[in-house]
Amino acid sequence: MSGIVPTNDGRASSKPGMTPRMKLWLVIGTLVAAPTVVYGWHDPHGEVRLMREDARREWRDAMRDSRRAMIEARREADEQRRAFREAYREARDMARQMMRDARRQAREAARWYYRDVR
């Protein structure tokens, strides 16, 4: 075991003026700055998350808009169907009324024409 050199051989520090507290702050600063140096100034995971959120938001907005458009189209189709039915009923009723009036006039004309025959 004489060939193994211990990690701290007990000699004097290479930086004798550096206190343990200063070493602690240096280590903390290095640990805080290391991710910035390694990954750069941006967070790729955060950017991916933001892009996914934007895609989800756009999808939700598109789906909401399409649902609203479908509801509006159904509403307009119902209104058109209702208007067509109402116009058809009015035309049918008008034709019936005209037929009644025509029959009544024909009946009255026949009564007037044949009044002296009896």
Protein backbone atom coordinates (compact mmCIF):
# COMPACT_ATOMS: atom_id res chain seq x y z
CA MET A 1 0.00 0.00 0.00
CA SER A 2 2.94 2.26 -0.07
CA GLY A 3 2.32 3.08 -3.77
CA ILE A 4 -1.12 4.64 -3.18
CA VAL A 5 -1.06 8.36 -2.59
CA PRO A 6 -3.91 9.74 -0.44
CA THR A 7 -6.22 12.32 -1.98
CA ASN A 8 -5.32 14.89 0.66
CA ASP A 9 -1.71 14.34 1.53
CA GLY A 10 -1.79 16.84 4.36
CA ARG A 11 0.37 19.46 2.76
CA ALA A 12 -0.54 23.09 2.95
CA SER A 13 -3.40 24.35 0.74
CA SER A 14 -2.48 25.71 -2.68
CA LYS A 15 -4.69 28.72 -1.90
CA PRO A 16 -3.89 29.52 1.70
CA GLY A 17 -6.02 32.70 1.87
CA MET A 18 -9.26 30.85 0.87
CA THR A 19 -11.40 30.02 3.86
CA PRO A 20 -13.80 27.06 3.90
CA ARG A 21 -16.74 29.44 3.59
CA MET A 22 -15.26 30.95 0.44
CA LYS A 23 -14.78 27.46 -0.97
CA LEU A 24 -18.44 26.68 -0.20
CA TRP A 25 -19.65 29.76 -2.10
CA LEU A 26 -17.36 28.91 -5.00
CA VAL A 27 -18.77 25.37 -5.19
CA ILE A 28 -22.36 26.65 -4.96
CA GLY A 29 -21.73 29.21 -7.69
CA THR A 30 -20.20 26.56 -9.92
CA LEU A 31 -23.14 24.21 -9.37
CA VAL A 32 -25.63 26.97 -10.12
CA ALA A 33 -23.79 28.11 -13.26
CA ALA A 34 -23.04 24.62 -14.59
CA PRO A 35 -26.50 23.95 -16.17
CA THR A 36 -26.33 27.33 -17.87
CA VAL A 37 -22.99 26.51 -19.39
CA VAL A 38 -23.95 22.95 -20.34
CA TYR A 39 -27.43 23.65 -21.77
CA GLY A 40 -26.93 27.23 -22.83
CA TRP A 41 -29.16 30.08 -21.68
CA HIS A 42 -32.40 28.40 -22.68
CA ASP A 43 -34.26 25.39 -21.34
CA PRO A 44 -35.03 22.96 -24.19
CA HIS A 45 -37.51 21.00 -22.08
CA GLY A 46 -39.35 24.19 -21.22
CA GLU A 47 -39.45 25.21 -24.87
CA VAL A 48 -40.84 21.82 -25.86
CA ARG A 49 -43.45 22.10 -23.12
CA LEU A 50 -44.43 25.58 -24.32
CA MET A 51 -44.66 24.37 -27.92
CA ARG A 52 -46.90 21.48 -26.84
CA GLU A 53 -49.07 23.85 -24.82
CA ASP A 54 -49.38 26.15 -27.84
CA ALA A 55 -50.28 23.20 -30.07
CA ARG A 56 -52.90 22.02 -27.54
CA ARG A 57 -54.30 25.53 -27.23
CA GLU A 58 -54.53 25.92 -31.01
CA TRP A 59 -56.20 22.51 -31.29
CA ARG A 60 -58.71 23.39 -28.58
CA ASP A 61 -59.45 26.72 -30.23
CA ALA A 62 -59.91 25.06 -33.62
CA MET A 63 -62.21 22.40 -32.17
CA ARG A 64 -64.22 25.00 -30.26
CA ASP A 65 -64.56 27.12 -33.41
CA SER A 66 -65.61 24.13 -35.49
CA ARG A 67 -68.18 23.09 -32.88
CA ARG A 68 -69.57 26.60 -32.79
CA ALA A 69 -69.70 26.68 -36.59
CA MET A 70 -71.54 23.33 -36.64
CA ILE A 71 -74.03 24.55 -34.04
CA GLU A 72 -74.58 27.76 -36.00
CA ALA A 73 -75.02 25.81 -39.27
CA ARG A 74 -77.57 23.51 -37.60
CA ARG A 75 -79.40 26.52 -36.19
CA GLU A 76 -79.52 28.18 -39.61
CA ALA A 77 -80.69 24.94 -41.25
CA ASP A 78 -83.43 24.60 -38.63
CA GLU A 79 -84.50 28.19 -39.22
CA GLN A 80 -84.60 27.62 -42.99
CA ARG A 81 -86.55 24.39 -42.53
CA ARG A 82 -88.98 26.16 -40.21
CA ALA A 83 -89.39 29.04 -42.66
CA PHE A 84 -89.98 26.59 -45.55
CA ARG A 85 -92.60 24.70 -43.55
CA GLU A 86 -94.34 27.90 -42.56
CA ALA A 87 -94.37 29.17 -46.17
CA TYR A 88 -95.69 25.77 -47.34
CA ARG A 89 -98.46 25.85 -44.73
CA GLU A 90 -99.41 29.40 -45.69
CA ALA A 91 -99.53 28.48 -49.39
CA ARG A 92 -101.55 25.34 -48.63
CA ASP A 93 -103.98 27.25 -46.45
CA MET A 94 -104.29 29.98 -49.06
CA ALA A 95 -105.00 27.38 -51.78
CA ARG A 96 -107.61 25.72 -49.55
CA GLN A 97 -109.25 29.05 -48.83
CA MET A 98 -109.32 29.91 -52.53
CA MET A 99 -110.89 26.51 -53.33
CA ARG A 100 -113.52 27.06 -50.61
CA ASP A 101 -114.29 30.51 -51.99
CA ALA A 102 -114.50 29.17 -55.55
CA ARG A 103 -116.85 26.35 -54.47
CA ARG A 104 -118.98 28.79 -52.50
CA GLN A 105 -119.22 31.15 -55.48
CA ALA A 106 -120.09 28.25 -57.80
CA ARG A 107 -122.73 27.03 -55.34
CA GLU A 108 -124.22 30.53 -55.02
CA ALA A 109 -124.19 31.01 -58.80
CA ALA A 110 -125.95 27.67 -59.27
CA ARG A 111 -128.52 28.60 -56.63
CA TRP A 112 -129.11 31.96 -58.29
CA TYR A 113 -129.33 30.40 -61.77
CA TYR A 114 -131.71 27.62 -60.73
CA ARG A 115 -133.78 29.67 -58.27
CA ASP A 116 -136.84 29.91 -60.52
CA VAL A 117 -136.79 26.27 -61.56
CA ARG A 118 -138.35 24.89 -58.41
